[in-house]
PDB file of all heavy atoms in Angstrom:
ATOM      1  N   SER A   1      92.645 102.559 104.563  1.00  0.00           N
ATOM      2  CA  SER A   1      91.986 101.929 105.772  1.00  0.00           C
ATOM      3  C   SER A   1      90.759 102.729 106.278  1.00  0.00           C
ATOM      4  O   SER A   1      90.282 102.545 107.379  1.00  0.00           O
ATOM      5  CB  SER A   1      92.883 101.698 106.854  1.00  0.00           C
ATOM      6  OG  SER A   1      93.938 100.818 106.612  1.00  0.00           O
ATOM      7  N   PHE A   2      90.315 103.718 105.404  1.00  0.00           N
ATOM      8  CA  PHE A   2      89.049 104.442 105.773  1.00  0.00           C
ATOM      9  C   PHE A   2      87.871 103.612 105.527  1.00  0.00           C
ATOM     10  O   PHE A   2      87.679 103.200 104.371  1.00  0.00           O
ATOM     11  CB  PHE A   2      89.019 105.752 104.947  1.00  0.00           C
ATOM     12  CG  PHE A   2      87.815 106.644 105.179  1.00  0.00           C
ATOM     13  CD1 PHE A   2      87.413 106.773 106.520  1.00  0.00           C
ATOM     14  CD2 PHE A   2      87.145 107.150 104.208  1.00  0.00           C
ATOM     15  CE1 PHE A   2      86.320 107.604 106.795  1.00  0.00           C
ATOM     16  CE2 PHE A   2      86.002 107.900 104.382  1.00  0.00           C
ATOM     17  CZ  PHE A   2      85.593 108.162 105.771  1.00  0.00           C
ATOM     18  N   ILE A   3      87.138 103.261 106.612  1.00  0.00           N
ATOM     19  CA  ILE A   3      86.073 102.316 106.446  1.00  0.00           C
ATOM     20  C   ILE A   3      84.792 102.889 107.178  1.00  0.00           C
ATOM     21  O   ILE A   3      84.896 103.774 108.128  1.00  0.00           O
ATOM     22  CB  ILE A   3      86.352 100.964 106.992  1.00  0.00           C
ATOM     23  CG1 ILE A   3      86.453 100.980 108.535  1.00  0.00           C
ATOM     24  CG2 ILE A   3      87.626 100.359 106.398  1.00  0.00           C
ATOM     25  CD1 ILE A   3      86.588  99.603 109.214  1.00  0.00           C
ATOM     26  N   PHE A   4      83.621 102.425 106.828  1.00  0.00           N
ATOM     27  CA  PHE A   4      82.442 102.563 107.609  1.00  0.00           C
ATOM     28  C   PHE A   4      81.970 101.203 108.057  1.00  0.00           C
ATOM     29  O   PHE A   4      82.315 100.175 107.431  1.00  0.00           O
ATOM     30  CB  PHE A   4      81.309 103.206 106.810  1.00  0.00           C
ATOM     31  CG  PHE A   4      80.727 102.374 105.689  1.00  0.00           C
ATOM     32  CD1 PHE A   4      79.638 101.586 105.872  1.00  0.00           C
ATOM     33  CD2 PHE A   4      81.257 102.503 104.397  1.00  0.00           C
ATOM     34  CE1 PHE A   4      79.042 100.865 104.916  1.00  0.00           C
ATOM     35  CE2 PHE A   4      80.638 101.683 103.382  1.00  0.00           C
ATOM     36  CZ  PHE A   4      79.572 100.896 103.544  1.00  0.00           C
ATOM     37  N   HIS A   5      81.329 101.199 109.198  1.00  0.00           N
ATOM     38  CA  HIS A   5      80.918  99.897 109.684  1.00  0.00           C
ATOM     39  C   HIS A   5      79.836 100.071 110.758  1.00  0.00           C
ATOM     40  O   HIS A   5      79.555 101.211 111.356  1.00  0.00           O
ATOM     41  CB  HIS A   5      81.977  99.142 110.433  1.00  0.00           C
ATOM     42  CG  HIS A   5      82.696  99.855 111.532  1.00  0.00           C
ATOM     43  ND1 HIS A   5      82.251  99.820 112.830  1.00  0.00           N
ATOM     44  CD2 HIS A   5      83.834 100.568 111.608  1.00  0.00           C
ATOM     45  CE1 HIS A   5      82.965 100.441 113.618  1.00  0.00           C
ATOM     46  NE2 HIS A   5      83.923 100.994 112.979  1.00  0.00           N
ATOM     47  N   HIS A   6      79.104  98.925 111.083  1.00  0.00           N
ATOM     48  CA  HIS A   6      78.123  98.988 112.188  1.00  0.00           C
ATOM     49  C   HIS A   6      77.924  97.520 112.648  1.00  0.00           C
ATOM     50  O   HIS A   6      77.938  96.591 111.762  1.00  0.00           O
ATOM     51  CB  HIS A   6      76.828  99.598 111.819  1.00  0.00           C
ATOM     52  CG  HIS A   6      76.160 100.252 112.934  1.00  0.00           C
ATOM     53  ND1 HIS A   6      75.495  99.590 113.976  1.00  0.00           N
ATOM     54  CD2 HIS A   6      76.004 101.569 113.231  1.00  0.00           C
ATOM     55  CE1 HIS A   6      74.922 100.429 114.699  1.00  0.00           C
ATOM     56  NE2 HIS A   6      75.236 101.692 114.385  1.00  0.00           N
ATOM     57  N   GLY A   7      77.719  97.312 113.894  1.00  0.00           N
ATOM     58  CA  GLY A   7      77.439  96.049 114.495  1.00  0.00           C
ATOM     59  C   GLY A   7      75.925  95.966 114.848  1.00  0.00           C
ATOM     60  O   GLY A   7      75.366  96.934 115.055  1.00  0.00           O
ATOM     61  N   GLY A   8      75.434  94.741 115.068  1.00  0.00           N
ATOM     62  CA  GLY A   8      74.131  94.563 115.609  1.00  0.00           C
ATOM     63  C   GLY A   8      74.071  93.577 116.616  1.00  0.00           C
ATOM     64  O   GLY A   8      74.773  92.493 116.476  1.00  0.00           O
ATOM     65  N   SER A   9      73.292  93.727 117.693  1.00  0.00           N
ATOM     66  CA  SER A   9      73.302  92.797 118.849  1.00  0.00           C
ATOM     67  C   SER A   9      71.937  92.790 119.473  1.00  0.00           C
ATOM     68  O   SER A   9      71.557  93.646 120.292  1.00  0.00           O
ATOM     69  CB  SER A   9      74.314  93.223 119.879  1.00  0.00           C
ATOM     70  OG  SER A   9      74.301  92.375 120.901  1.00  0.00           O
ATOM     71  N   ASN A  10      71.033  91.861 118.971  1.00  0.00           N
ATOM     72  CA  ASN A  10      69.963  91.525 119.737  1.00  0.00           C
ATOM     73  C   ASN A  10      70.156  90.319 120.683  1.00  0.00           C
ATOM     74  O   ASN A  10      71.261  89.880 120.693  1.00  0.00           O
ATOM     75  CB  ASN A  10      68.677  91.241 118.786  1.00  0.00           C
ATOM     76  CG  ASN A  10      68.115  92.503 118.146  1.00  0.00           C
ATOM     77  OD1 ASN A  10      68.222  93.600 118.728  1.00  0.00           O
ATOM     78  ND2 ASN A  10      67.505  92.343 116.971  1.00  0.00           N
ATOM     79  N   ASN A  11      69.169  89.891 121.530  1.00  0.00           N
ATOM     80  CA  ASN A  11      69.503  88.887 122.481  1.00  0.00           C
ATOM     81  C   ASN A  11      70.292  87.776 121.917  1.00  0.00           C
ATOM     82  O   ASN A  11      71.149  87.155 122.530  1.00  0.00           O
ATOM     83  CB  ASN A  11      68.256  88.451 123.178  1.00  0.00           C
ATOM     84  CG  ASN A  11      67.718  89.474 124.176  1.00  0.00           C
ATOM     85  OD1 ASN A  11      68.374  90.517 124.356  1.00  0.00           O
ATOM     86  ND2 ASN A  11      66.576  89.210 124.762  1.00  0.00           N
ATOM     87  N   SER A  12      69.758  87.243 120.814  1.00  0.00           N
ATOM     88  CA  SER A  12      70.185  85.881 120.346  1.00  0.00           C
ATOM     89  C   SER A  12      70.853  85.891 118.934  1.00  0.00           C
ATOM     90  O   SER A  12      71.114  84.890 118.375  1.00  0.00           O
ATOM     91  CB  SER A  12      69.058  84.974 120.298  1.00  0.00           C
ATOM     92  OG  SER A  12      68.323  84.939 121.509  1.00  0.00           O
ATOM     93  N   TYR A  13      71.203  87.095 118.483  1.00  0.00           N
ATOM     94  CA  TYR A  13      71.749  87.299 117.106  1.00  0.00           C
ATOM     95  C   TYR A  13      72.892  88.371 117.238  1.00  0.00           C
ATOM     96  O   TYR A  13      72.776  89.312 117.976  1.00  0.00           O
ATOM     97  CB  TYR A  13      70.662  87.758 116.074  1.00  0.00           C
ATOM     98  CG  TYR A  13      69.600  86.772 115.810  1.00  0.00           C
ATOM     99  CD1 TYR A  13      68.401  86.856 116.759  1.00  0.00           C
ATOM    100  CD2 TYR A  13      69.620  85.760 114.877  1.00  0.00           C
ATOM    101  CE1 TYR A  13      67.331  85.990 116.470  1.00  0.00           C
ATOM    102  CE2 TYR A  13      68.578  84.974 114.703  1.00  0.00           C
ATOM    103  CZ  TYR A  13      67.378  85.104 115.473  1.00  0.00           C
ATOM    104  OH  TYR A  13      66.285  84.172 115.285  1.00  0.00           O
ATOM    105  N   ARG A  14      73.835  88.208 116.386  1.00  0.00           N
ATOM    106  CA  ARG A  14      74.832  89.172 116.206  1.00  0.00           C
ATOM    107  C   ARG A  14      75.241  89.361 114.750  1.00  0.00           C
ATOM    108  O   ARG A  14      75.216  88.439 114.026  1.00  0.00           O
ATOM    109  CB  ARG A  14      76.202  88.781 116.961  1.00  0.00           C
ATOM    110  CG  ARG A  14      76.081  88.521 118.569  1.00  0.00           C
ATOM    111  CD  ARG A  14      75.754  89.821 119.247  1.00  0.00           C
ATOM    112  NE  ARG A  14      75.723  89.629 120.674  1.00  0.00           N
ATOM    113  CZ  ARG A  14      74.654  89.296 121.373  1.00  0.00           C
ATOM    114  NH1 ARG A  14      73.561  89.105 120.850  1.00  0.00           N
ATOM    115  NH2 ARG A  14      74.753  89.019 122.659  1.00  0.00           N
ATOM    116  N   ALA A  15      75.333  90.650 114.313  1.00  0.00           N
ATOM    117  CA  ALA A  15      75.637  90.913 112.960  1.00  0.00           C
ATOM    118  C   ALA A  15      76.645  91.964 112.817  1.00  0.00           C
ATOM    119  O   ALA A  15      77.017  92.793 113.792  1.00  0.00           O
ATOM    120  CB  ALA A  15      74.362  91.413 112.286  1.00  0.00           C
ATOM    121  N   TRP A  16      77.262  92.093 111.623  1.00  0.00           N
ATOM    122  CA  TRP A  16      78.311  92.996 111.328  1.00  0.00           C
ATOM    123  C   TRP A  16      78.245  93.326 109.858  1.00  0.00           C
ATOM    124  O   TRP A  16      78.053  92.479 109.029  1.00  0.00           O
ATOM    125  CB  TRP A  16      79.666  92.349 111.739  1.00  0.00           C
ATOM    126  CG  TRP A  16      80.852  93.266 111.425  1.00  0.00           C
ATOM    127  CD1 TRP A  16      81.724  93.202 110.275  1.00  0.00           C
ATOM    128  CD2 TRP A  16      81.292  94.443 112.110  1.00  0.00           C
ATOM    129  NE1 TRP A  16      82.602  94.169 110.344  1.00  0.00           N
ATOM    130  CE2 TRP A  16      82.510  94.908 111.437  1.00  0.00           C
ATOM    131  CE3 TRP A  16      80.901  95.076 113.296  1.00  0.00           C
ATOM    132  CZ2 TRP A  16      83.208  95.954 111.946  1.00  0.00           C
ATOM    133  CZ3 TRP A  16      81.661  96.103 113.784  1.00  0.00           C
ATOM    134  CH2 TRP A  16      82.738  96.571 113.081  1.00  0.00           C
ATOM    135  N   MET A  17      78.506  94.622 109.540  1.00  0.00           N
ATOM    136  CA  MET A  17      78.813  95.003 108.118  1.00  0.00           C
ATOM    137  C   MET A  17      79.849  96.132 108.017  1.00  0.00           C
ATOM    138  O   MET A  17      80.023  96.847 109.013  1.00  0.00           O
ATOM    139  CB  MET A  17      77.441  95.554 107.565  1.00  0.00           C
ATOM    140  CG  MET A  17      76.882  96.883 108.211  1.00  0.00           C
ATOM    141  SD  MET A  17      75.500  97.563 107.302  1.00  0.00           S
ATOM    142  CE  MET A  17      76.365  98.173 105.865  1.00  0.00           C
ATOM    143  N   GLU A  18      80.551  96.146 107.072  1.00  0.00           N
ATOM    144  CA  GLU A  18      81.598  97.098 106.790  1.00  0.00           C
ATOM    145  C   GLU A  18      81.783  97.428 105.430  1.00  0.00           C
ATOM    146  O   GLU A  18      81.653  96.534 104.490  1.00  0.00           O
ATOM    147  CB  GLU A  18      82.903  96.722 107.454  1.00  0.00           C
ATOM    148  CG  GLU A  18      83.566  95.604 106.852  1.00  0.00           C
ATOM    149  CD  GLU A  18      84.864  95.103 107.600  1.00  0.00           C
ATOM    150  OE1 GLU A  18      84.848  94.707 108.704  1.00  0.00           O
ATOM    151  OE2 GLU A  18      85.903  95.290 106.882  1.00  0.00           O
ATOM    152  N   GLY A  19      82.228  98.622 105.040  1.00  0.00           N
ATOM    153  CA  GLY A  19      82.668  98.979 103.702  1.00  0.00           C
ATOM    154  C   GLY A  19      83.932  99.669 103.658  1.00  0.00           C
ATOM    155  O   GLY A  19      84.197 100.541 104.558  1.00  0.00           O
ATOM    156  N   HIS A  20      84.820  99.370 102.725  1.00  0.00           N
ATOM    157  CA  HIS A  20      86.191 100.024 102.643  1.00  0.00           C
ATOM    158  C   HIS A  20      86.082 101.154 101.563  1.00  0.00           C
ATOM    159  O   HIS A  20      86.056 100.684 100.329  1.00  0.00           O
ATOM    160  CB  HIS A  20      87.245  99.073 102.334  1.00  0.00           C
ATOM    161  CG  HIS A  20      87.180  97.823 103.251  1.00  0.00           C
ATOM    162  ND1 HIS A  20      87.842  96.595 102.879  1.00  0.00           N
ATOM    163  CD2 HIS A  20      86.617  97.618 104.378  1.00  0.00           C
ATOM    164  CE1 HIS A  20      87.692  95.837 103.868  1.00  0.00           C
ATOM    165  NE2 HIS A  20      86.850  96.288 104.793  1.00  0.00           N
ATOM    166  N   LEU A  21      85.965 102.353 101.916  1.00  0.00           N
ATOM    167  CA  LEU A  21      85.643 103.422 100.967  1.00  0.00           C
ATOM    168  C   LEU A  21      86.698 103.625  99.969  1.00  0.00           C
ATOM    169  O   LEU A  21      86.426 104.011  98.819  1.00  0.00           O
ATOM    170  CB  LEU A  21      85.158 104.653 101.801  1.00  0.00           C
ATOM    171  CG  LEU A  21      83.910 104.483 102.477  1.00  0.00           C
ATOM    172  CD1 LEU A  21      83.681 105.561 103.491  1.00  0.00           C
ATOM    173  CD2 LEU A  21      82.678 104.317 101.502  1.00  0.00           C
ATOM    174  N   ALA A  22      87.956 103.448 100.268  1.00  0.00           N
ATOM    175  CA  ALA A  22      88.952 103.735  99.367  1.00  0.00           C
ATOM    176  C   ALA A  22      89.151 102.648  98.224  1.00  0.00           C
ATOM    177  O   ALA A  22      89.491 102.952  97.116  1.00  0.00           O
ATOM    178  CB  ALA A  22      90.364 103.832 100.148  1.00  0.00           C
ATOM    179  N   THR A  23      88.840 101.415  98.669  1.00  0.00           N
ATOM    180  CA  THR A  23      89.020 100.341  97.715  1.00  0.00           C
ATOM    181  C   THR A  23      87.730  99.770  97.204  1.00  0.00           C
ATOM    182  O   THR A  23      87.796  98.994  96.208  1.00  0.00           O
ATOM    183  CB  THR A  23      89.805  99.148  98.394  1.00  0.00           C
ATOM    184  OG1 THR A  23      88.950  98.620  99.566  1.00  0.00           O
ATOM    185  CG2 THR A  23      91.114  99.578  99.012  1.00  0.00           C
ATOM    186  N   GLY A  24      86.623  99.945  97.745  1.00  0.00           N
ATOM    187  CA  GLY A  24      85.270  99.370  97.243  1.00  0.00           C
ATOM    188  C   GLY A  24      85.108  98.050  97.805  1.00  0.00           C
ATOM    189  O   GLY A  24      84.199  97.404  97.321  1.00  0.00           O
ATOM    190  N   ASN A  25      85.804  97.576  98.698  1.00  0.00           N
ATOM    191  CA  ASN A  25      85.642  96.251  99.357  1.00  0.00           C
ATOM    192  C   ASN A  25      84.680  96.318 100.516  1.00  0.00           C
ATOM    193  O   ASN A  25      84.527  97.376 101.051  1.00  0.00           O
ATOM    194  CB  ASN A  25      86.941  95.636  99.688  1.00  0.00           C
ATOM    195  CG  ASN A  25      87.897  95.508  98.544  1.00  0.00           C
ATOM    196  OD1 ASN A  25      87.441  95.317  97.458  1.00  0.00           O
ATOM    197  ND2 ASN A  25      89.202  95.661  98.708  1.00  0.00           N
ATOM    198  N   GLY A  26      84.238  95.214 100.977  1.00  0.00           N
ATOM    199  CA  GLY A  26      83.373  95.149 102.120  1.00  0.00           C
ATOM    200  C   GLY A  26      83.071  93.767 102.524  1.00  0.00           C
ATOM    201  O   GLY A  26      83.371  92.777 102.008  1.00  0.00           O
ATOM    202  N   LEU A  27      82.281  93.684 103.682  1.00  0.00           N
ATOM    203  CA  LEU A  27      82.132  92.356 104.463  1.00  0.00           C
ATOM    204  C   LEU A  27      80.785  92.515 105.230  1.00  0.00           C
ATOM    205  O   LEU A  27      80.487  93.450 105.825  1.00  0.00           O
ATOM    206  CB  LEU A  27      83.180  92.032 105.250  1.00  0.00           C
ATOM    207  CG  LEU A  27      83.209  90.788 106.092  1.00  0.00           C
ATOM    208  CD1 LEU A  27      83.122  89.500 105.269  1.00  0.00           C
ATOM    209  CD2 LEU A  27      84.403  90.727 107.058  1.00  0.00           C
ATOM    210  N   VAL A  28      80.038  91.347 105.172  1.00  0.00           N
ATOM    211  CA  VAL A  28      78.776  91.164 105.962  1.00  0.00           C
ATOM    212  C   VAL A  28      78.931  89.871 106.650  1.00  0.00           C
ATOM    213  O   VAL A  28      79.363  88.819 106.071  1.00  0.00           O
ATOM    214  CB  VAL A  28      77.469  91.170 105.082  1.00  0.00           C
ATOM    215  CG1 VAL A  28      76.341  90.593 105.883  1.00  0.00           C
ATOM    216  CG2 VAL A  28      77.280  92.673 104.611  1.00  0.00           C
ATOM    217  N   ILE A  29      78.633  89.812 108.025  1.00  0.00           N
ATOM    218  CA  ILE A  29      78.653  88.601 108.773  1.00  0.00           C
ATOM    219  C   ILE A  29      77.354  88.543 109.611  1.00  0.00           C
ATOM    220  O   ILE A  29      77.053  89.419 110.371  1.00  0.00           O
ATOM    221  CB  ILE A  29      79.818  88.530 109.688  1.00  0.00           C
ATOM    222  CG1 ILE A  29      81.162  88.771 108.999  1.00  0.00           C
ATOM    223  CG2 ILE A  29      79.816  87.190 110.476  1.00  0.00           C
ATOM    224  CD1 ILE A  29      82.384  88.960 109.923  1.00  0.00           C
ATOM    225  N   LEU A  30      76.547  87.463 109.405  1.00  0.00           N
ATOM    226  CA  LEU A  30      75.326  87.272 110.217  1.00  0.00           C
ATOM    227  C   LEU A  30      75.425  85.936 110.955  1.00  0.00           C
ATOM    228  O   LEU A  30      75.914  84.921 110.495  1.00  0.00           O
ATOM    229  CB  LEU A  30      74.215  87.222 109.314  1.00  0.00           C
ATOM    230  CG  LEU A  30      74.078  88.307 108.177  1.00  0.00           C
ATOM    231  CD1 LEU A  30      72.836  87.997 107.354  1.00  0.00           C
ATOM    232  CD2 LEU A  30      73.943  89.705 108.893  1.00  0.00           C
ATOM    233  N   THR A  31      75.041  85.938 112.274  1.00  0.00           N
ATOM    234  CA  THR A  31      75.031  84.757 113.058  1.00  0.00           C
ATOM    235  C   THR A  31      73.841  84.599 113.885  1.00  0.00           C
ATOM    236  O   THR A  31      73.212  85.580 114.273  1.00  0.00           O
ATOM    237  CB  THR A  31      76.252  84.836 114.052  1.00  0.00           C
ATOM    238  OG1 THR A  31      76.012  85.803 115.084  1.00  0.00           O
ATOM    239  CG2 THR A  31      77.616  85.265 113.373  1.00  0.00           C
ATOM    240  N   ASN A  32      73.451  83.379 114.271  1.00  0.00           N
ATOM    241  CA  ASN A  32      72.241  83.245 115.059  1.00  0.00           C
ATOM    242  C   ASN A  32      72.576  82.589 116.477  1.00  0.00           C
ATOM    243  O   ASN A  32      71.916  81.727 117.051  1.00  0.00           O
ATOM    244  CB  ASN A  32      71.266  82.254 114.322  1.00  0.00           C
ATOM    245  CG  ASN A  32      71.872  80.798 114.100  1.00  0.00           C
ATOM    246  OD1 ASN A  32      72.979  80.591 114.253  1.00  0.00           O
ATOM    247  ND2 ASN A  32      71.028  79.862 113.812  1.00  0.00           N
ATOM    248  N   GLY A  33      73.556  83.239 117.049  1.00  0.00           N
ATOM    249  CA  GLY A  33      73.921  82.862 118.399  1.00  0.00           C
ATOM    250  C   GLY A  33      74.293  84.042 119.220  1.00  0.00           C
ATOM    251  O   GLY A  33      74.899  85.108 118.770  1.00  0.00           O
ATOM    252  N   ALA A  34      74.215  84.018 120.543  1.00  0.00           N
ATOM    253  CA  ALA A  34      74.414  85.146 121.444  1.00  0.00           C
ATOM    254  C   ALA A  34      75.972  85.418 121.594  1.00  0.00           C
ATOM    255  O   ALA A  34      76.385  86.542 121.962  1.00  0.00           O
ATOM    256  CB  ALA A  34      73.912  84.912 122.828  1.00  0.00           C
ATOM    257  N   ASN A  35      76.749  84.417 121.163  1.00  0.00           N
ATOM    258  CA  ASN A  35      78.281  84.573 121.185  1.00  0.00           C
ATOM    259  C   ASN A  35      78.812  84.887 119.779  1.00  0.00           C
ATOM    260  O   ASN A  35      79.966  84.900 119.442  1.00  0.00           O
ATOM    261  CB  ASN A  35      78.967  83.384 121.694  1.00  0.00           C
ATOM    262  CG  ASN A  35      78.643  82.997 123.143  1.00  0.00           C
ATOM    263  OD1 ASN A  35      78.552  83.862 123.931  1.00  0.00           O
ATOM    264  ND2 ASN A  35      78.484  81.740 123.481  1.00  0.00           N
TER     265      ASN A  35
END
């Protein structure tokens, strides 16, 4: 479960990225809404 990650939050967009360093898996999520 050792991971790196970071979120992003401008007024009208929210974003997320993560990487699972032990397994090589990861995820990106991009949205165009304040929620």
